[in-house]
Each structure stands twice: as structure tokens, then as C-alpha cells.
Amino acid sequence: MRSVVQCGIVALTNIKQDALDTEYDNLQKVLKGEDAPLYSANKQQAFRFYKRKKLREYPLSIRNDLLKIEIRDTKIAEFWVRLPVKKIRGGMWVAVKPHKPIDLGARVCESKIIRRKGKYQLHLVLEKEVVFKKSYSNILAIDLGSRNVATSVAFSDGHTTFYGRDVRKIRGHFFHLRRKLGEKKALKTIKKIGRTEQRKVNDCLHKISRNIVDYAKKTDSLIVLGILQNVRKRKGQWRKKSTRKVNSMPSFKLSNMIRYKAEQEGLLVVETYEGFTSRICNRCIREGNRRTQGLFECSCGYSDNADRNGAINIGKRLLGNLSSIGAYVDMPEPKLWQSMTLEATYFNRC
């Protein structure tokens, strides 16, 4: 699997800053058809990747065999990278500060240098072979929703965690803020907000996905995700406010974060259709009633949080597909494993 490590290039001397600025600016000139001195490999990579020129500024694409990474005992930075530039023969060594430690055992792939507001970042692409676990002792079912961006239920002991109320608050705050500013025609102020909302939401999603994967690793769990389908095409059955909340929740982004973080740990992530899971009782398999957004009640007397009920049904639906997944789950006397064979067949048929 591949992962990207974002590294800030720091402590550039005047000579190195000038060499990198010249290489970056000359790349833009070459792509516009002008004649400018550019490192030959960087020029070849530019014509290879940037055939359709739509962006205002293009990053430097660095070939993997021209990148070299070292660990040095310096006060400036721990990691140093050699970059190929035209002005300095043999390339130049720059200090980088990654957002997470660089795995020197991984294979370096094609990487890019990006300039933002005068500062440079190296997006280092690393590739490493991962061996996935085939046997698990637990199932961690996750329901993606609007009230809670994710609800996880562990089948071994019924442990339930609700995630993402902060995400809903952030989304709601910026939605009403943009609407008020739009009514006042304050377009410049709206533009100043920029990507603040996205940065805050992404920070929450990274923390949520990390907590889920860490818990799955700790409990030796197979992760099963309920995937929402055709949400934007549904009409008439939801109120406008509820539809907006579901559409605005970053469920797809969160599922991708959970998937790649789990893959790095060698854990399987299985996706299953979550249709009707929030409307069916996980005990008697009859259609229940959602009194409110967060409360599920059934005629059999069962009452629980609606998202938790949906997550349990998602985990049960997985049982009918375990043979095709190629994973084995061994759960001795689990709390939520009782009388599931018939239920799993029913949900799989739905």
C-alpha cells in the first residue's frame, strides 16, 4: 500500500532558497512553452504528467531514484532529503519536518514539491508491503449517520462509542454563518473564511478514524462499514433539514480514512449496504419505529439508540458474507452473537 507523508521544507539558506525558487519558476515557464533552464529529469516528468495544463501553478514532480532520505543528528531537523535542481550539481540536501515519522524501510515512489504562500512542502510517497490478518476474534460494526458521524459497536462485549458531534457543530456553525453573510452580500468576508471549516472537520475526522482503528487493533476486530447509497437522490421521505445534514456529513471521507489507516495496521475493512438497518429491530427482525432521530422502539419491547441499533444490524448483515470475504472470526460466547444465523440470512437477502 502507499501513503503520503507531508514534509515541510525548513531552514533553507539563501543559496538553496534561490535554487529551489528558480527550479520551480522555470518549471512554470517551460509548461507555458517558454525556454528556461530546468533539471532534465524534472523536465521529463513535467511533460509526462502535465499534458493538460489547467492549473495556475504546477508542483515539481521528483523521480523516485533521484530522492534520497537520511537521518541526521542535528538541531534543525531529524530527516534530510536530497532534491535534484539545475543550479546545484549533484542536488541539494534540505531539512524536512514530516507530519509523522518517515519509515525508512518503505520504498520511495514518485513525489512532489508544492509551493504555498512562499513556503515549500515535500509530499513524500512511500510504498510498503502489508500482510493482512485473516483471523479475528471480534467484529467492530460502524454505522455512518447524520446525528453522529460514526457509531461503533464491538460484538464481543457490546461496547458502543458515538463519534462526531463536534463535526456536526462545526458544519452547522459555518452553514448559518455563510447564510447570514450571503444575505448581507458580504462576499469578501465569505472568501476570508476560506478552508477553515474544512481544516477543522478534517482534524476531527483524522482523530475519529485513528481512535476507531486503534480500538480495532487493540480488540483484534474485523471492521465492517455500513455504506450509504443514493442519499442525494432520495426525495419526499426526509425533511429538507435532515437531508441537508446527511448530505453535509463527510461519511465518504471518513470511510476512506478508516480504510487506509486500517490497511497500514494490516486490518481488513469490509463494506456492506446499510439499507433498512436503522428501521429493523436487531432482536426480532421486525420493522420498528424511530420516535426521534436518536431513539428506536420496537413492538417487541426493545428500545435503544437508533444509530447503535443500525450498527448492530450492519454487523449481523456481515455474517452472511463472511465466506466470500476470506476472513475468519472466532468469537467464544460473544454478547451480540446469539441467534444470528437466521438474522444474517435475512439481512443478506434484503
Protein backbone atom coordinates (compact mmCIF):
# COMPACT_ATOMS: atom_id res chain seq x y z
CA MET A 1 0.00 0.00 0.00
CA ARG A 2 1.01 3.61 -0.49
CA SER A 3 0.93 6.51 1.96
CA VAL A 4 1.79 10.19 1.62
CA VAL A 5 3.92 11.93 4.24
CA GLN A 6 3.67 15.72 4.12
CA CYS A 7 7.04 17.24 4.93
CA GLY A 8 7.66 20.94 5.42
CA ILE A 9 10.98 22.07 3.93
CA VAL A 10 12.63 24.23 6.62
CA ALA A 11 15.78 26.26 7.32
CA LEU A 12 16.68 26.97 3.69
CA THR A 13 19.80 29.08 3.17
CA ASN A 14 19.70 31.94 0.67
CA ILE A 15 21.51 29.81 -1.94
CA LYS A 16 19.15 26.86 -1.51
CA GLN A 17 16.10 29.12 -1.47
CA ASP A 18 17.20 30.76 -4.70
CA ALA A 19 17.95 27.40 -6.35
CA LEU A 20 14.55 25.98 -5.41
CA ASP A 21 12.70 29.16 -6.43
CA THR A 22 14.47 29.17 -9.80
CA GLU A 23 13.69 25.49 -10.43
CA TYR A 24 10.03 25.98 -9.51
CA ASP A 25 9.59 29.16 -11.57
CA ASN A 26 11.36 27.71 -14.59
CA LEU A 27 9.01 24.72 -14.48
CA GLN A 28 6.04 27.07 -14.92
CA LYS A 29 7.80 28.80 -17.84
CA VAL A 30 8.59 25.51 -19.57
CA LEU A 31 4.98 24.36 -19.26
CA LYS A 32 3.88 27.62 -20.90
CA GLY A 33 6.15 26.91 -23.86
CA GLU A 34 8.99 29.24 -22.89
CA ASP A 35 12.67 28.30 -22.95
CA ALA A 36 14.12 28.10 -19.42
CA PRO A 37 16.91 26.06 -17.80
CA LEU A 38 15.45 23.11 -15.89
CA TYR A 39 16.87 19.89 -14.50
CA SER A 40 16.43 17.33 -17.29
CA ALA A 41 14.63 14.69 -15.20
CA ASN A 42 12.25 17.29 -13.79
CA LYS A 43 11.51 18.50 -17.30
CA GLN A 44 10.77 14.96 -18.48
CA GLN A 45 8.47 14.37 -15.54
CA ALA A 46 6.62 17.62 -16.26
CA PHE A 47 5.87 16.69 -19.87
CA ARG A 48 4.89 13.21 -18.72
CA PHE A 49 2.34 14.24 -16.08
CA TYR A 50 1.14 17.70 -17.09
CA LYS A 51 -0.19 17.14 -20.58
CA ARG A 52 -3.36 19.10 -19.90
CA LYS A 53 -2.45 22.46 -18.44
CA LYS A 54 -5.29 23.82 -16.32
CA LEU A 55 -3.72 24.92 -13.04
CA ARG A 56 -2.05 28.26 -12.46
CA GLU A 57 0.97 26.69 -10.80
CA TYR A 58 2.23 23.13 -11.06
CA PRO A 59 4.27 21.22 -8.45
CA LEU A 60 7.70 19.78 -9.14
CA SER A 61 7.45 16.04 -9.77
CA ILE A 62 10.58 14.29 -8.49
CA ARG A 63 11.55 10.85 -9.76
CA ASN A 64 11.97 8.23 -7.04
CA ASP A 65 15.56 7.31 -7.95
CA LEU A 66 16.62 10.96 -7.53
CA LEU A 67 15.32 11.24 -3.97
CA LYS A 68 17.49 10.22 -1.04
CA ILE A 69 16.50 10.33 2.65
CA GLU A 70 18.84 10.35 5.62
CA ILE A 71 18.56 10.70 9.40
CA ARG A 72 20.98 13.22 10.86
CA ASP A 73 21.61 14.22 14.45
CA THR A 74 21.11 17.99 14.06
CA LYS A 75 19.16 20.65 15.92
CA ILE A 76 17.48 21.81 12.70
CA ALA A 77 15.69 18.58 11.82
CA GLU A 78 15.98 14.82 12.12
CA PHE A 79 15.20 13.99 8.48
CA TRP A 80 17.10 15.35 5.47
CA VAL A 81 16.23 14.86 1.80
CA ARG A 82 18.34 15.37 -1.33
CA LEU A 83 16.48 17.18 -4.12
CA PRO A 84 17.62 17.48 -7.76
CA VAL A 85 17.92 21.09 -9.03
CA LYS A 86 19.62 22.66 -12.02
CA LYS A 87 21.69 25.25 -10.13
CA ILE A 88 23.41 22.85 -7.71
CA ARG A 89 25.29 19.94 -9.21
CA GLY A 90 24.53 16.63 -7.51
CA GLY A 91 21.41 18.03 -5.89
CA MET A 92 20.98 19.83 -2.59
CA TRP A 93 20.23 18.49 0.89
CA VAL A 94 17.31 20.16 2.69
CA ALA A 95 15.91 19.69 6.18
CA VAL A 96 12.31 18.47 6.36
CA LYS A 97 9.82 18.17 9.20
CA PRO A 98 7.23 15.45 8.42
CA HIS A 99 3.76 15.34 9.96
CA LYS A 100 4.57 11.77 11.02
CA PRO A 101 7.84 9.77 11.21
CA ILE A 102 9.20 8.60 7.86
CA ASP A 103 9.53 4.83 7.54
CA LEU A 104 12.98 4.36 6.02
CA GLY A 105 12.17 0.71 5.34
CA ALA A 106 9.49 1.68 2.82
CA ARG A 107 10.17 2.21 -0.87
CA VAL A 108 10.21 5.82 -2.06
CA CYS A 109 7.91 6.50 -5.02
CA GLU A 110 7.25 9.46 -7.29
CA SER A 111 6.92 12.53 -5.03
CA LYS A 112 6.03 16.18 -5.45
CA ILE A 113 7.23 19.57 -4.19
CA ILE A 114 4.44 22.10 -3.69
CA ARG A 115 4.79 25.84 -3.04
CA ARG A 116 2.16 27.52 -0.87
CA LYS A 117 2.43 31.17 0.17
CA GLY A 118 6.17 31.17 -0.49
CA LYS A 119 6.85 28.03 1.57
CA TYR A 120 7.67 24.59 0.19
CA GLN A 121 6.28 21.19 1.09
CA LEU A 122 7.53 17.79 0.00
CA HIS A 123 4.71 15.27 -0.41
CA LEU A 124 6.73 12.10 0.01
CA VAL A 125 5.02 8.97 -1.35
CA LEU A 126 6.07 5.73 0.36
CA GLU A 127 5.14 2.19 -0.62
CA LYS A 128 5.24 -0.77 1.74
CA GLU A 129 4.03 -4.35 1.60
CA VAL A 130 1.33 -5.10 4.15
CA VAL A 131 0.24 -8.57 5.26
CA PHE A 132 -3.46 -8.58 6.20
CA LYS A 133 -4.79 -10.62 9.10
CA LYS A 134 -7.12 -13.45 8.07
CA SER A 135 -8.35 -14.42 11.52
CA TYR A 136 -10.08 -12.15 14.05
CA SER A 137 -11.62 -12.56 17.48
CA ASN A 138 -14.14 -9.72 17.24
CA ILE A 139 -16.29 -7.64 14.88
CA LEU A 140 -16.40 -3.83 15.07
CA ALA A 141 -19.51 -2.60 13.23
CA ILE A 142 -19.69 1.08 12.26
CA ASP A 143 -22.82 2.99 11.30
CA LEU A 144 -22.35 6.31 9.48
CA GLY A 145 -25.10 8.83 10.12
CA SER A 146 -26.18 12.45 10.43
CA ARG A 147 -26.54 12.88 14.18
CA ASN A 148 -23.32 11.01 14.90
CA VAL A 149 -20.88 10.84 12.03
CA ALA A 150 -19.94 7.33 13.22
CA THR A 151 -21.27 4.88 15.80
CA SER A 152 -19.15 1.82 16.56
CA VAL A 153 -20.31 -1.36 18.32
CA ALA A 154 -17.98 -4.17 19.37
CA PHE A 155 -19.71 -7.56 19.13
CA SER A 156 -17.58 -9.20 21.82
CA ASP A 157 -18.88 -7.09 24.69
CA GLY A 158 -21.35 -4.62 23.15
CA HIS A 159 -19.04 -1.65 23.79
CA THR A 160 -20.51 1.35 21.95
CA THR A 161 -18.88 4.67 21.05
CA PHE A 162 -20.54 7.69 19.44
CA TYR A 163 -18.28 9.90 17.35
CA GLY A 164 -18.56 13.21 15.57
CA ARG A 165 -20.86 15.54 17.44
CA ASP A 166 -18.16 18.19 17.08
CA VAL A 167 -18.27 17.70 13.31
CA ARG A 168 -21.99 18.42 13.28
CA LYS A 169 -21.49 21.58 15.34
CA ILE A 170 -18.75 22.82 13.01
CA ARG A 171 -20.85 22.11 9.92
CA GLY A 172 -23.90 23.81 11.41
CA HIS A 173 -21.95 26.85 12.58
CA PHE A 174 -20.38 27.54 9.19
CA PHE A 175 -23.63 26.83 7.34
CA HIS A 176 -25.52 29.50 9.28
CA LEU A 177 -22.52 31.86 9.13
CA ARG A 178 -22.34 31.63 5.34
CA ARG A 179 -26.09 32.10 5.05
CA LYS A 180 -26.04 35.28 7.16
CA LEU A 181 -23.06 36.67 5.28
CA GLY A 182 -24.74 35.81 1.99
CA GLU A 183 -27.86 37.75 2.98
CA LYS A 184 -25.65 40.77 3.67
CA LYS A 185 -23.81 40.29 0.34
CA ALA A 186 -20.52 40.10 2.28
CA LEU A 187 -18.73 38.07 -0.38
CA LYS A 188 -15.26 39.21 0.69
CA THR A 189 -15.89 38.03 4.24
CA ILE A 190 -17.14 34.66 2.99
CA LYS A 191 -13.93 34.35 0.98
CA LYS A 192 -11.83 35.08 4.08
CA ILE A 193 -13.35 32.06 5.80
CA GLY A 194 -11.51 30.04 3.18
CA ARG A 195 -10.80 26.46 4.17
CA THR A 196 -11.20 26.97 7.91
CA GLU A 197 -14.24 24.70 8.06
CA GLN A 198 -12.54 22.01 6.01
CA ARG A 199 -9.40 22.07 8.16
CA LYS A 200 -11.40 21.77 11.38
CA VAL A 201 -13.58 18.96 10.03
CA ASN A 202 -10.58 17.05 8.65
CA ASP A 203 -8.84 17.31 12.02
CA CYS A 204 -11.88 15.77 13.73
CA LEU A 205 -12.14 13.02 11.11
CA HIS A 206 -8.47 12.07 11.46
CA LYS A 207 -8.88 11.75 15.24
CA ILE A 208 -12.08 9.70 14.88
CA SER A 209 -10.60 7.31 12.31
CA ARG A 210 -7.44 6.89 14.39
CA ASN A 211 -9.47 6.06 17.52
CA ILE A 212 -11.55 3.51 15.61
CA VAL A 213 -8.53 1.77 14.09
CA ASP A 214 -6.61 1.77 17.38
CA TYR A 215 -9.58 0.19 19.15
CA ALA A 216 -9.96 -2.42 16.37
CA LYS A 217 -6.27 -3.28 16.67
CA LYS A 218 -6.49 -3.50 20.45
CA THR A 219 -9.52 -5.82 20.37
CA ASP A 220 -8.39 -7.81 17.28
CA SER A 221 -11.51 -6.76 15.34
CA LEU A 222 -12.65 -7.07 11.75
CA ILE A 223 -14.04 -3.65 10.79
CA VAL A 224 -17.35 -3.57 8.91
CA LEU A 225 -18.63 -0.27 7.48
CA GLY A 226 -22.21 0.46 6.53
CA ILE A 227 -22.14 2.42 3.28
CA LEU A 228 -24.81 4.99 2.43
CA GLN A 229 -26.03 4.81 -1.17
CA ASN A 230 -28.08 7.22 -3.31
CA VAL A 231 -28.51 9.65 -0.42
CA ARG A 232 -28.73 12.71 -2.67
CA LYS A 233 -31.36 11.05 -4.89
CA ARG A 234 -33.82 10.37 -2.09
CA LYS A 235 -36.86 12.64 -2.25
CA GLY A 236 -40.00 13.07 -0.24
CA GLN A 237 -39.15 10.72 2.62
CA TRP A 238 -36.92 13.13 4.53
CA ARG A 239 -37.39 16.69 5.59
CA LYS A 240 -35.22 19.29 3.92
CA LYS A 241 -33.21 19.92 7.11
CA SER A 242 -32.50 16.22 7.68
CA THR A 243 -31.46 15.74 4.05
CA ARG A 244 -29.05 18.67 4.27
CA LYS A 245 -27.45 17.28 7.43
CA VAL A 246 -26.91 13.82 5.93
CA ASN A 247 -25.55 15.25 2.68
CA SER A 248 -23.19 17.58 4.54
CA MET A 249 -21.71 14.85 6.78
CA PRO A 250 -18.33 13.72 5.38
CA SER A 251 -19.15 9.99 5.52
CA PHE A 252 -17.22 9.08 2.38
CA LYS A 253 -14.11 10.91 3.55
CA LEU A 254 -14.27 9.27 6.98
CA SER A 255 -14.69 5.79 5.49
CA ASN A 256 -11.60 6.36 3.32
CA MET A 257 -9.59 7.49 6.35
CA ILE A 258 -10.66 4.43 8.33
CA ARG A 259 -9.79 2.18 5.40
CA TYR A 260 -6.26 3.40 4.75
CA LYS A 261 -5.37 3.67 8.45
CA ALA A 262 -6.59 0.10 8.99
CA GLU A 263 -4.63 -1.13 5.96
CA GLN A 264 -1.47 0.35 7.45
CA GLU A 265 -2.08 -1.83 10.52
CA GLY A 266 -2.84 -4.93 8.42
CA LEU A 267 -6.55 -4.95 9.36
CA LEU A 268 -9.31 -5.75 6.89
CA VAL A 269 -12.17 -3.28 6.34
CA VAL A 270 -15.35 -4.75 4.85
CA GLU A 271 -18.14 -2.64 3.37
CA THR A 272 -21.80 -3.66 3.33
CA TYR A 273 -25.02 -2.00 2.24
CA GLU A 274 -26.72 -0.38 5.23
CA GLY A 275 -30.22 -0.02 3.77
CA PHE A 276 -33.07 -0.61 6.29
CA THR A 277 -30.62 -1.29 9.14
CA SER A 278 -31.89 1.73 11.10
CA ARG A 279 -35.54 0.66 10.71
CA ILE A 280 -35.26 -3.05 11.62
CA CYS A 281 -35.11 -4.30 15.20
CA ASN A 282 -31.88 -6.22 15.78
CA ARG A 283 -33.66 -8.67 18.12
CA CYS A 284 -36.92 -9.69 16.43
CA ILE A 285 -36.11 -8.59 12.83
CA ARG A 286 -39.37 -6.63 12.61
CA GLU A 287 -39.70 -3.06 11.44
CA GLY A 288 -39.71 -0.70 14.39
CA ASN A 289 -40.43 2.96 14.95
CA ARG A 290 -37.99 5.85 15.31
CA ARG A 291 -39.74 8.13 17.77
CA THR A 292 -36.99 10.72 17.35
CA GLN A 293 -33.78 10.97 15.35
CA GLY A 294 -31.87 9.15 18.10
CA LEU A 295 -34.49 6.78 19.58
CA PHE A 296 -35.57 3.42 18.14
CA GLU A 297 -38.50 1.47 19.58
CA CYS A 298 -39.98 -1.88 18.58
CA SER A 299 -43.27 -3.65 19.37
CA CYS A 300 -41.30 -6.48 21.00
CA GLY A 301 -40.30 -4.09 23.78
CA TYR A 302 -36.79 -3.35 22.55
CA SER A 303 -35.69 0.27 22.85
CA ASP A 304 -32.24 1.66 22.11
CA ASN A 305 -30.30 4.37 20.36
CA ALA A 306 -31.17 4.27 16.66
CA ASP A 307 -27.55 4.54 15.49
CA ARG A 308 -26.47 1.73 17.83
CA ASN A 309 -29.32 -0.45 16.57
CA GLY A 310 -28.22 0.25 12.97
CA ALA A 311 -24.60 -0.61 13.74
CA ILE A 312 -25.61 -3.96 15.27
CA ASN A 313 -27.69 -4.79 12.18
CA ILE A 314 -24.74 -3.88 9.93
CA GLY A 315 -22.55 -6.33 11.83
CA LYS A 316 -25.19 -9.05 11.56
CA ARG A 317 -25.53 -8.48 7.83
CA LEU A 318 -21.80 -9.18 7.51
CA LEU A 319 -22.30 -12.74 8.77
CA GLY A 320 -23.99 -13.79 5.56
CA ASN A 321 -20.95 -12.70 3.54
CA LEU A 322 -18.05 -13.94 5.67
CA SER A 323 -17.39 -16.92 3.41
CA SER A 324 -16.86 -14.67 0.36
CA ILE A 325 -14.66 -12.21 2.26
CA GLY A 326 -12.00 -14.75 3.09
CA ALA A 327 -11.72 -13.80 6.77
CA TYR A 328 -12.38 -15.98 9.81
CA VAL A 329 -13.94 -14.64 13.02
CA ASP A 330 -13.63 -16.76 16.14
CA MET A 331 -15.74 -15.32 18.98
CA PRO A 332 -16.24 -17.55 22.04
CA GLU A 333 -19.68 -16.86 23.62
CA PRO A 334 -19.99 -13.25 22.42
CA LYS A 335 -22.69 -10.98 23.81
CA LEU A 336 -24.17 -9.99 20.44
CA TRP A 337 -23.62 -13.31 18.64
CA GLN A 338 -26.72 -15.14 19.90
CA SER A 339 -29.31 -16.34 17.33
CA MET A 340 -27.59 -14.58 14.43
CA THR A 341 -27.58 -17.27 11.74
CA LEU A 342 -31.20 -16.74 10.72
CA GLU A 343 -30.91 -12.97 11.09
CA ALA A 344 -27.76 -12.83 8.97
CA THR A 345 -29.50 -14.77 6.20
CA TYR A 346 -32.46 -12.38 6.34
CA PHE A 347 -30.34 -9.22 6.20
CA ASN A 348 -28.17 -10.62 3.44
CA ARG A 349 -31.30 -11.35 1.37
CA CYS A 350 -32.51 -7.75 1.92
